[in-house]
C-alpha cells in the first residue's frame, strides 16, 4: 500500500490526487494520513541524527544545538528537554499527532458559523488560490514566449 501512496505523491502534480486515487482504487481520505506519517518519520529520523550523542556535549553546546533546532518548527515540535538539560525525542507528542494523521483542523473566529460552513469556506479559498496559481503560470508562459519572440 505504501508504494501506491508514494506513486500518488510523486505524480500528484501531473494528474491530481483524486484521479490517481480513483485509478488505483485507493481511499482518498487515507492518502493524507499516509503522507503525514511519512513526513513525521522523516522528521524524527533527522532529529535523532541531530541529537545523537548530545549527552556528551557541554550544557552550552547542547543549548546552542537546542537553539538551532528551535528555529525549525518541524523538528522543534518533536524535541523535549529534560530537567537536566538533555535533548530527547518527545514520544508523547508523536503519539498525540499520530491520532491527527490525515485530518484537517480548521479555526474560525466567528462562533455563529457551523462546521460545514467553515469547511465550505476553506474549500472555496483553496479553489480561488488554485485558480490564481494557474493564471500566474499562464501569464508566465506568455511572458516567456514574448521575450523569446515566439
C-alpha atoms as a PDB file:
ATOM      1  CA  UNK A   1       0.000   0.000   0.000  1.00  0.00           C
ATOM      2  CA  UNK A   2       2.867   2.403   0.750  1.00  0.00           C
ATOM      3  CA  UNK A   3       4.115   2.023  -2.826  1.00  0.00           C
ATOM      4  CA  UNK A   4       0.774   3.281  -4.141  1.00  0.00           C
ATOM      5  CA  UNK A   5       0.847   6.302  -1.864  1.00  0.00           C
ATOM      6  CA  UNK A   6       4.447   7.005  -2.866  1.00  0.00           C
ATOM      7  CA  UNK A   7       3.366   6.850  -6.502  1.00  0.00           C
ATOM      8  CA  UNK A   8       0.474   9.243  -5.812  1.00  0.00           C
ATOM      9  CA  UNK A   9       2.827  11.634  -4.019  1.00  0.00           C
ATOM     10  CA  UNK A  10       5.229  11.604  -6.971  1.00  0.00           C
ATOM     11  CA  UNK A  11       2.532  12.037  -9.647  1.00  0.00           C
ATOM     12  CA  UNK A  12       0.028  14.300  -7.887  1.00  0.00           C
ATOM     13  CA  UNK A  13       1.181  17.453  -9.667  1.00  0.00           C
ATOM     14  CA  UNK A  14       0.697  15.833 -13.059  1.00  0.00           C
ATOM     15  CA  UNK A  15      -2.642  14.089 -12.601  1.00  0.00           C
ATOM     16  CA  UNK A  16      -4.159  15.167  -9.270  1.00  0.00           C
ATOM     17  CA  UNK A  17      -4.727  13.140  -6.131  1.00  0.00           C
ATOM     18  CA  UNK A  18      -8.430  12.456  -6.727  1.00  0.00           C
ATOM     19  CA  UNK A  19      -7.814  10.991 -10.191  1.00  0.00           C
ATOM     20  CA  UNK A  20      -4.891   8.831  -9.044  1.00  0.00           C
ATOM     21  CA  UNK A  21      -6.833   7.507  -6.035  1.00  0.00           C
ATOM     22  CA  UNK A  22      -9.748   6.516  -8.293  1.00  0.00           C
ATOM     23  CA  UNK A  23      -7.363   4.933 -10.791  1.00  0.00           C
ATOM     24  CA  UNK A  24      -5.557   2.882  -8.133  1.00  0.00           C
ATOM     25  CA  UNK A  25      -8.746   2.142  -6.191  1.00  0.00           C
ATOM     26  CA  UNK A  26      -7.335   3.709  -3.031  1.00  0.00           C
ATOM     27  CA  UNK A  27      -9.309   5.701  -0.488  1.00  0.00           C
ATOM     28  CA  UNK A  28      -8.506   9.355  -0.955  1.00  0.00           C
ATOM     29  CA  UNK A  29      -9.045  10.019   2.733  1.00  0.00           C
ATOM     30  CA  UNK A  30      -6.196   7.710   3.728  1.00  0.00           C
ATOM     31  CA  UNK A  31      -3.679   9.376   1.380  1.00  0.00           C
ATOM     32  CA  UNK A  32      -3.109  12.410   3.638  1.00  0.00           C
ATOM     33  CA  UNK A  33      -2.750  10.100   6.651  1.00  0.00           C
ATOM     34  CA  UNK A  34      -0.002   8.123   4.900  1.00  0.00           C
ATOM     35  CA  UNK A  35       1.694  11.355   3.837  1.00  0.00           C
ATOM     36  CA  UNK A  36       1.565  12.755   7.386  1.00  0.00           C
ATOM     37  CA  UNK A  37       3.038   9.551   8.788  1.00  0.00           C
ATOM     38  CA  UNK A  38       5.806   9.536   6.176  1.00  0.00           C
ATOM     39  CA  UNK A  39       6.731  13.173   6.832  1.00  0.00           C
ATOM     40  CA  UNK A  40       6.773  12.637  10.601  1.00  0.00           C
ATOM     41  CA  UNK A  41       9.016   9.574  10.208  1.00  0.00           C
ATOM     42  CA  UNK A  42      11.486  11.596   8.140  1.00  0.00           C
ATOM     43  CA  UNK A  43      11.498  14.487  10.617  1.00  0.00           C
ATOM     44  CA  UNK A  44      12.060  12.168  13.589  1.00  0.00           C
ATOM     45  CA  UNK A  45      14.903  10.355  11.821  1.00  0.00           C
ATOM     46  CA  UNK A  46      16.575  13.699  11.077  1.00  0.00           C
ATOM     47  CA  UNK A  47      16.075  14.858  14.660  1.00  0.00           C
ATOM     48  CA  UNK A  48      17.547  11.611  16.016  1.00  0.00           C
ATOM     49  CA  UNK A  49      20.648  12.211  13.888  1.00  0.00           C
ATOM     50  CA  UNK A  50      20.968  15.757  15.215  1.00  0.00           C
ATOM     51  CA  UNK A  51      20.669  14.862  18.891  1.00  0.00           C
ATOM     52  CA  UNK A  52      22.667  11.611  18.803  1.00  0.00           C
ATOM     53  CA  UNK A  53      25.499  11.678  21.345  1.00  0.00           C
ATOM     54  CA  UNK A  54      24.487  15.127  22.671  1.00  0.00           C
ATOM     55  CA  UNK A  55      24.635  13.814  26.242  1.00  0.00           C
ATOM     56  CA  UNK A  56      28.432  14.045  25.931  1.00  0.00           C
ATOM     57  CA  UNK A  57      28.312  17.736  24.955  1.00  0.00           C
ATOM     58  CA  UNK A  58      28.630  20.572  27.429  1.00  0.00           C
ATOM     59  CA  UNK A  59      25.480  22.346  28.571  1.00  0.00           C
ATOM     60  CA  UNK A  60      26.439  25.356  26.459  1.00  0.00           C
ATOM     61  CA  UNK A  61      26.877  23.299  23.265  1.00  0.00           C
ATOM     62  CA  UNK A  62      23.579  21.477  23.906  1.00  0.00           C
ATOM     63  CA  UNK A  63      21.919  24.862  24.379  1.00  0.00           C
ATOM     64  CA  UNK A  64      23.322  26.060  21.067  1.00  0.00           C
ATOM     65  CA  UNK A  65      22.000  22.974  19.308  1.00  0.00           C
ATOM     66  CA  UNK A  66      18.633  23.416  21.034  1.00  0.00           C
ATOM     67  CA  UNK A  67      18.520  26.980  19.714  1.00  0.00           C
ATOM     68  CA  UNK A  68      19.273  25.861  16.161  1.00  0.00           C
ATOM     69  CA  UNK A  69      16.546  23.218  16.316  1.00  0.00           C
ATOM     70  CA  UNK A  70      14.090  25.748  17.803  1.00  0.00           C
ATOM     71  CA  UNK A  71      14.327  27.727  14.536  1.00  0.00           C
ATOM     72  CA  UNK A  72      12.957  24.711  12.644  1.00  0.00           C
ATOM     73  CA  UNK A  73       9.296  24.233  13.655  1.00  0.00           C
ATOM     74  CA  UNK A  74       9.003  20.790  12.066  1.00  0.00           C
ATOM     75  CA  UNK A  75      11.853  19.446  14.170  1.00  0.00           C
ATOM     76  CA  UNK A  76      11.189  21.529  17.266  1.00  0.00           C
ATOM     77  CA  UNK A  77       7.719  20.114  17.832  1.00  0.00           C
ATOM     78  CA  UNK A  78       9.157  16.622  18.486  1.00  0.00           C
ATOM     79  CA  UNK A  79      12.014  17.747  20.727  1.00  0.00           C
ATOM     80  CA  UNK A  80      11.846  17.983  24.502  1.00  0.00           C
ATOM     81  CA  UNK A  81      14.442  18.970  27.048  1.00  0.00           C
ATOM     82  CA  UNK A  82      14.754  17.023  30.289  1.00  0.00           C
ATOM     83  CA  UNK A  83      15.120  18.867  33.618  1.00  0.00           C
ATOM     84  CA  UNK A  84      18.837  18.030  33.440  1.00  0.00           C
ATOM     85  CA  UNK A  85      19.072  19.790  30.040  1.00  0.00           C
ATOM     86  CA  UNK A  86      19.342  16.629  27.919  1.00  0.00           C
ATOM     87  CA  UNK A  87      17.750  16.586  24.463  1.00  0.00           C
ATOM     88  CA  UNK A  88      15.194  13.846  23.843  1.00  0.00           C
ATOM     89  CA  UNK A  89      12.503  12.873  21.337  1.00  0.00           C
ATOM     90  CA  UNK A  90       9.032  13.720  22.677  1.00  0.00           C
ATOM     91  CA  UNK A  91       7.253  10.373  22.237  1.00  0.00           C
ATOM     92  CA  UNK A  92       4.055  11.639  23.881  1.00  0.00           C
ATOM     93  CA  UNK A  93       3.809  14.406  21.283  1.00  0.00           C
ATOM     94  CA  UNK A  94       4.392  11.901  18.489  1.00  0.00           C
ATOM     95  CA  UNK A  95       1.560   9.669  19.713  1.00  0.00           C
ATOM     96  CA  UNK A  96      -0.751  12.676  20.009  1.00  0.00           C
ATOM     97  CA  UNK A  97      -0.020  13.733  16.437  1.00  0.00           C
ATOM     98  CA  UNK A  98      -0.470  10.197  15.110  1.00  0.00           C
ATOM     99  CA  UNK A  99      -4.135  10.480  16.112  1.00  0.00           C
ATOM    100  CA  UNK A 100      -4.463  13.530  13.865  1.00  0.00           C
ATOM    101  CA  UNK A 101      -2.949  11.979  10.728  1.00  0.00           C
ATOM    102  CA  UNK A 102      -4.990  12.791   7.653  1.00  0.00           C
ATOM    103  CA  UNK A 103      -7.280  15.197   9.482  1.00  0.00           C
ATOM    104  CA  UNK A 104      -7.581  18.909   8.928  1.00  0.00           C
ATOM    105  CA  UNK A 105      -8.130  21.245  11.838  1.00  0.00           C
ATOM    106  CA  UNK A 106      -9.924  24.414  10.830  1.00  0.00           C
ATOM    107  CA  UNK A 107     -10.120  27.501  13.000  1.00  0.00           C
ATOM    108  CA  UNK A 108     -12.631  30.319  12.763  1.00  0.00           C
ATOM    109  CA  UNK A 109     -13.213  33.441  14.835  1.00  0.00           C
ATOM    110  CA  UNK A 110     -16.973  33.565  14.146  1.00  0.00           C
ATOM    111  CA  UNK A 111     -18.760  31.318  16.674  1.00  0.00           C
ATOM    112  CA  UNK A 112     -22.035  31.535  14.713  1.00  0.00           C
ATOM    113  CA  UNK A 113     -20.738  29.568  11.722  1.00  0.00           C
ATOM    114  CA  UNK A 114     -21.378  25.845  11.549  1.00  0.00           C
ATOM    115  CA  UNK A 115     -18.595  23.335  10.901  1.00  0.00           C
ATOM    116  CA  UNK A 116     -19.974  22.746   7.397  1.00  0.00           C
ATOM    117  CA  UNK A 117     -19.864  26.473   6.570  1.00  0.00           C
ATOM    118  CA  UNK A 118     -16.287  26.764   7.793  1.00  0.00           C
ATOM    119  CA  UNK A 119     -15.203  23.747   5.732  1.00  0.00           C
ATOM    120  CA  UNK A 120     -17.001  25.104   2.664  1.00  0.00           C
ATOM    121  CA  UNK A 121     -15.274  28.469   3.094  1.00  0.00           C
ATOM    122  CA  UNK A 122     -11.858  26.793   3.221  1.00  0.00           C
ATOM    123  CA  UNK A 123     -12.644  24.684   0.157  1.00  0.00           C
ATOM    124  CA  UNK A 124     -13.668  27.797  -1.761  1.00  0.00           C
ATOM    125  CA  UNK A 125     -10.491  29.554  -0.643  1.00  0.00           C
ATOM    126  CA  UNK A 126      -8.394  26.639  -1.917  1.00  0.00           C
ATOM    127  CA  UNK A 127     -10.158  26.760  -5.286  1.00  0.00           C
ATOM    128  CA  UNK A 128      -9.558  30.509  -5.616  1.00  0.00           C
ATOM    129  CA  UNK A 129      -5.876  30.099  -4.718  1.00  0.00           C
ATOM    130  CA  UNK A 130      -5.549  27.250  -7.225  1.00  0.00           C
ATOM    131  CA  UNK A 131      -7.116  29.474  -9.894  1.00  0.00           C
ATOM    132  CA  UNK A 132      -4.635  32.261  -9.173  1.00  0.00           C
ATOM    133  CA  UNK A 133      -1.727  29.819  -9.363  1.00  0.00           C
ATOM    134  CA  UNK A 134      -2.962  28.559 -12.729  1.00  0.00           C
ATOM    135  CA  UNK A 135      -3.395  32.104 -14.050  1.00  0.00           C
ATOM    136  CA  UNK A 136       0.102  33.067 -12.901  1.00  0.00           C
ATOM    137  CA  UNK A 137       1.522  30.085 -14.787  1.00  0.00           C
ATOM    138  CA  UNK A 138      -0.322  31.103 -17.958  1.00  0.00           C
ATOM    139  CA  UNK A 139       0.872  34.696 -17.637  1.00  0.00           C
ATOM    140  CA  UNK A 140       4.425  33.485 -17.031  1.00  0.00           C
ATOM    141  CA  UNK A 141       4.257  31.288 -20.154  1.00  0.00           C
ATOM    142  CA  UNK A 142       3.032  34.208 -22.253  1.00  0.00           C
ATOM    143  CA  UNK A 143       5.800  36.418 -20.875  1.00  0.00           C
ATOM    144  CA  UNK A 144       8.409  33.794 -21.773  1.00  0.00           C
ATOM    145  CA  UNK A 145       7.022  33.441 -25.309  1.00  0.00           C
ATOM    146  CA  UNK A 146       7.002  37.204 -25.779  1.00  0.00           C
ATOM    147  CA  UNK A 147      10.585  37.552 -24.603  1.00  0.00           C
ATOM    148  CA  UNK A 148      11.812  34.764 -26.912  1.00  0.00           C
ATOM    149  CA  UNK A 149       9.912  36.097 -29.910  1.00  0.00           C
ATOM    150  CA  UNK A 150       7.696  33.015 -30.382  1.00  0.00           C
END
